[in-house]
Amino acid sequence: MPKDKVAAQHNLMTITLTDEELYLLEAFATEQEIDDLEQAIPAMIHELVKLHDQLWDAQFAESTAPLDKKAFEAHEADKAGLTEDFDT
């Protein structure tokens, strides 16, 4: 069964940049070897999303320590007979 192809929809947007924002966009375009600033904006958005996802993943990985500690404490309490079975 062939997969349905979905055409990308393009949207036109007009933006106003400060001199500093334009400088940053130009620097990003240069770094990414993008000649057209209009192409740099979507590339920058994709890069920001990728960085955001990496940050979220790192924060989530760090957040497991407190959960691991609670799980260990619960297991120890269960082994010591300090817990009750929910089914009883």
N, C-alpha and C. Protein backbone atom coordinates (compact mmCIF):
# COMPACT_ATOMS: atom_id res chain seq x y z
N MET A 1 0.85 -1.17 0.00
CA MET A 1 0.00 0.00 0.00
C MET A 1 0.90 1.24 0.00
N PRO A 2 0.78 2.12 -0.99
CA PRO A 2 1.65 3.31 -1.05
C PRO A 2 1.29 4.31 0.04
N LYS A 3 2.32 4.98 0.52
CA LYS A 3 2.12 6.02 1.54
C LYS A 3 1.64 7.30 0.86
N ASP A 4 0.73 7.99 1.55
CA ASP A 4 0.27 9.28 1.04
C ASP A 4 1.37 10.30 1.25
N LYS A 5 1.63 11.10 0.25
CA LYS A 5 2.62 12.15 0.37
C LYS A 5 1.90 13.45 0.73
N VAL A 6 2.46 14.15 1.68
CA VAL A 6 1.89 15.42 2.12
C VAL A 6 2.81 16.53 1.65
N ALA A 7 2.25 17.45 0.90
CA ALA A 7 3.04 18.58 0.41
C ALA A 7 3.27 19.56 1.54
N ALA A 8 4.46 20.10 1.59
CA ALA A 8 4.77 21.12 2.60
C ALA A 8 4.05 22.40 2.23
N GLN A 9 3.47 23.01 3.22
CA GLN A 9 2.80 24.28 3.00
C GLN A 9 3.76 25.39 3.40
N HIS A 10 3.94 26.36 2.56
CA HIS A 10 4.84 27.46 2.84
C HIS A 10 4.03 28.68 3.26
N ASN A 11 4.50 29.34 4.27
CA ASN A 11 3.83 30.52 4.80
C ASN A 11 4.76 31.71 4.70
N LEU A 12 4.22 32.82 4.29
CA LEU A 12 5.00 34.04 4.15
C LEU A 12 4.88 34.85 5.43
N MET A 13 6.01 35.40 5.87
CA MET A 13 6.02 36.16 7.11
C MET A 13 6.92 37.38 6.93
N THR A 14 6.49 38.49 7.45
CA THR A 14 7.31 39.69 7.46
C THR A 14 7.77 39.92 8.89
N ILE A 15 9.08 40.15 9.07
CA ILE A 15 9.61 40.36 10.42
C ILE A 15 10.39 41.66 10.47
N THR A 16 10.47 42.21 11.65
CA THR A 16 11.27 43.40 11.90
C THR A 16 12.36 43.02 12.88
N LEU A 17 13.61 43.26 12.51
CA LEU A 17 14.74 42.92 13.35
C LEU A 17 15.48 44.17 13.80
N THR A 18 15.95 44.14 15.02
CA THR A 18 16.85 45.20 15.47
C THR A 18 18.20 44.99 14.79
N ASP A 19 19.07 45.97 14.88
CA ASP A 19 20.41 45.82 14.31
C ASP A 19 21.13 44.62 14.93
N GLU A 20 20.99 44.46 16.23
CA GLU A 20 21.64 43.35 16.92
C GLU A 20 21.08 42.01 16.45
N GLU A 21 19.76 41.92 16.31
CA GLU A 21 19.15 40.68 15.84
C GLU A 21 19.58 40.35 14.42
N LEU A 22 19.67 41.37 13.57
CA LEU A 22 20.14 41.15 12.20
C LEU A 22 21.59 40.66 12.20
N TYR A 23 22.40 41.26 13.05
CA TYR A 23 23.80 40.83 13.16
C TYR A 23 23.88 39.36 13.59
N LEU A 24 23.07 38.98 14.59
CA LEU A 24 23.06 37.60 15.06
C LEU A 24 22.57 36.64 13.98
N LEU A 25 21.56 37.05 13.23
CA LEU A 25 21.05 36.22 12.14
C LEU A 25 22.10 36.05 11.05
N GLU A 26 22.79 37.14 10.73
CA GLU A 26 23.85 37.07 9.72
C GLU A 26 24.99 36.16 10.21
N ALA A 27 25.33 36.26 11.48
CA ALA A 27 26.39 35.41 12.04
C ALA A 27 25.98 33.94 12.00
N PHE A 28 24.74 33.68 12.33
CA PHE A 28 24.23 32.30 12.27
C PHE A 28 24.28 31.78 10.83
N ALA A 29 23.83 32.61 9.88
CA ALA A 29 23.83 32.21 8.47
C ALA A 29 25.25 31.91 8.00
N THR A 30 26.19 32.75 8.39
CA THR A 30 27.58 32.53 8.01
C THR A 30 28.10 31.22 8.60
N GLU A 31 27.81 31.01 9.87
CA GLU A 31 28.26 29.80 10.56
C GLU A 31 27.69 28.54 9.90
N GLN A 32 26.44 28.63 9.46
CA GLN A 32 25.78 27.48 8.84
C GLN A 32 25.99 27.42 7.33
N GLU A 33 26.77 28.36 6.81
CA GLU A 33 27.04 28.46 5.37
C GLU A 33 25.74 28.61 4.56
N ILE A 34 24.89 29.49 5.04
CA ILE A 34 23.62 29.81 4.38
C ILE A 34 23.77 31.18 3.75
N ASP A 35 23.55 31.27 2.43
CA ASP A 35 23.74 32.53 1.71
C ASP A 35 22.52 33.45 1.81
N ASP A 36 21.34 32.91 1.88
CA ASP A 36 20.10 33.68 1.88
C ASP A 36 19.56 33.79 3.30
N LEU A 37 19.43 35.01 3.81
CA LEU A 37 18.95 35.20 5.18
C LEU A 37 17.54 34.64 5.38
N GLU A 38 16.74 34.64 4.32
CA GLU A 38 15.40 34.08 4.44
C GLU A 38 15.46 32.58 4.75
N GLN A 39 16.47 31.90 4.26
CA GLN A 39 16.64 30.48 4.55
C GLN A 39 17.25 30.27 5.93
N ALA A 40 17.92 31.28 6.43
CA ALA A 40 18.57 31.17 7.75
C ALA A 40 17.53 31.15 8.87
N ILE A 41 16.42 31.83 8.69
CA ILE A 41 15.42 31.91 9.75
C ILE A 41 14.82 30.53 10.06
N PRO A 42 14.32 29.77 9.06
CA PRO A 42 13.82 28.43 9.40
C PRO A 42 14.92 27.52 9.95
N ALA A 43 16.14 27.66 9.42
CA ALA A 43 17.25 26.85 9.93
C ALA A 43 17.52 27.18 11.39
N MET A 44 17.43 28.45 11.74
CA MET A 44 17.65 28.86 13.12
C MET A 44 16.54 28.30 14.02
N ILE A 45 15.32 28.33 13.55
CA ILE A 45 14.21 27.78 14.34
C ILE A 45 14.43 26.29 14.59
N HIS A 46 14.82 25.56 13.55
CA HIS A 46 15.08 24.13 13.71
C HIS A 46 16.23 23.88 14.69
N GLU A 47 17.27 24.71 14.62
CA GLU A 47 18.41 24.58 15.53
C GLU A 47 17.97 24.85 16.97
N LEU A 48 17.14 25.86 17.16
CA LEU A 48 16.65 26.18 18.51
C LEU A 48 15.81 25.04 19.07
N VAL A 49 14.97 24.45 18.25
CA VAL A 49 14.15 23.32 18.69
C VAL A 49 15.05 22.15 19.07
N LYS A 50 16.08 21.88 18.25
CA LYS A 50 17.01 20.79 18.54
C LYS A 50 17.73 21.05 19.87
N LEU A 51 18.19 22.27 20.08
CA LEU A 51 18.87 22.61 21.33
C LEU A 51 17.93 22.50 22.53
N HIS A 52 16.69 22.94 22.35
CA HIS A 52 15.69 22.84 23.41
C HIS A 52 15.45 21.38 23.78
N ASP A 53 15.34 20.52 22.78
CA ASP A 53 15.12 19.10 23.03
C ASP A 53 16.31 18.49 23.77
N GLN A 54 17.53 18.88 23.39
CA GLN A 54 18.73 18.38 24.07
C GLN A 54 18.76 18.83 25.52
N LEU A 55 18.39 20.08 25.76
CA LEU A 55 18.35 20.60 27.13
C LEU A 55 17.31 19.85 27.95
N TRP A 56 16.13 19.62 27.38
CA TRP A 56 15.08 18.90 28.08
C TRP A 56 15.56 17.49 28.41
N ASP A 57 16.19 16.82 27.45
CA ASP A 57 16.70 15.47 27.68
C ASP A 57 17.72 15.46 28.82
N ALA A 58 18.61 16.44 28.84
CA ALA A 58 19.62 16.52 29.90
C ALA A 58 18.97 16.77 31.26
N GLN A 59 18.00 17.66 31.30
CA GLN A 59 17.32 17.95 32.56
C GLN A 59 16.54 16.72 33.04
N PHE A 60 15.91 16.01 32.12
CA PHE A 60 15.17 14.81 32.49
C PHE A 60 16.11 13.74 33.03
N ALA A 61 17.26 13.58 32.38
CA ALA A 61 18.24 12.59 32.84
C ALA A 61 18.71 12.91 34.26
N GLU A 62 18.90 14.20 34.55
CA GLU A 62 19.33 14.61 35.89
C GLU A 62 18.23 14.42 36.92
N SER A 63 16.97 14.45 36.50
CA SER A 63 15.86 14.39 37.45
C SER A 63 15.59 12.97 37.94
N THR A 64 16.26 11.98 37.38
CA THR A 64 15.99 10.62 37.81
C THR A 64 16.63 10.29 39.16
N ALA A 65 17.64 11.03 39.58
CA ALA A 65 18.30 10.75 40.86
C ALA A 65 17.33 10.77 42.04
N PRO A 66 16.50 11.80 42.21
CA PRO A 66 15.55 11.78 43.33
C PRO A 66 14.56 10.62 43.23
N LEU A 67 14.14 10.28 42.01
CA LEU A 67 13.22 9.16 41.85
C LEU A 67 13.91 7.84 42.20
N ASP A 68 15.16 7.70 41.77
CA ASP A 68 15.92 6.49 42.11
C ASP A 68 16.06 6.34 43.62
N LYS A 69 16.31 7.47 44.32
CA LYS A 69 16.46 7.44 45.76
C LYS A 69 15.15 6.98 46.43
N LYS A 70 14.02 7.54 45.97
CA LYS A 70 12.72 7.16 46.54
C LYS A 70 12.41 5.69 46.26
N ALA A 71 12.74 5.22 45.06
CA ALA A 71 12.51 3.82 44.72
C ALA A 71 13.34 2.91 45.62
N PHE A 72 14.61 3.28 45.87
CA PHE A 72 15.47 2.51 46.75
C PHE A 72 14.89 2.48 48.17
N GLU A 73 14.45 3.65 48.66
CA GLU A 73 13.88 3.73 50.00
C GLU A 73 12.62 2.87 50.10
N ALA A 74 11.78 2.90 49.09
CA ALA A 74 10.56 2.10 49.09
C ALA A 74 10.89 0.62 49.08
N HIS A 75 11.87 0.24 48.30
CA HIS A 75 12.28 -1.17 48.24
C HIS A 75 12.82 -1.63 49.59
N GLU A 76 13.64 -0.80 50.21
CA GLU A 76 14.19 -1.13 51.53
C GLU A 76 13.08 -1.25 52.57
N ALA A 77 12.10 -0.33 52.52
CA ALA A 77 10.98 -0.39 53.46
C ALA A 77 10.17 -1.66 53.25
N ASP A 78 10.01 -2.05 51.99
CA ASP A 78 9.26 -3.27 51.69
C ASP A 78 10.02 -4.49 52.21
N LYS A 79 11.33 -4.54 51.98
CA LYS A 79 12.14 -5.66 52.47
C LYS A 79 12.10 -5.75 54.00
N ALA A 80 12.00 -4.59 54.66
CA ALA A 80 11.97 -4.56 56.12
C ALA A 80 10.57 -4.85 56.67
N GLY A 81 9.59 -5.07 55.78
CA GLY A 81 8.24 -5.38 56.23
C GLY A 81 7.46 -4.17 56.71
N LEU A 82 7.86 -2.99 56.28
CA LEU A 82 7.21 -1.76 56.72
C LEU A 82 6.11 -1.27 55.78
N THR A 83 5.78 -2.07 54.79
CA THR A 83 4.76 -1.66 53.82
C THR A 83 3.57 -2.61 53.88
N GLU A 84 2.45 -2.19 53.33
CA GLU A 84 1.25 -3.02 53.26
C GLU A 84 0.93 -3.31 51.82
N ASP A 85 0.37 -4.48 51.58
CA ASP A 85 -0.04 -4.87 50.25
C ASP A 85 -1.36 -4.18 49.91
N PHE A 86 -1.48 -3.61 48.73
CA PHE A 86 -2.71 -2.93 48.33
C PHE A 86 -3.88 -3.89 48.17
N ASP A 87 -3.61 -5.13 47.90
CA ASP A 87 -4.67 -6.10 47.63
C ASP A 87 -5.34 -6.61 48.89
N THR A 88 -4.81 -6.28 50.07
CA THR A 88 -5.40 -6.83 51.29
C THR A 88 -6.25 -5.83 52.00
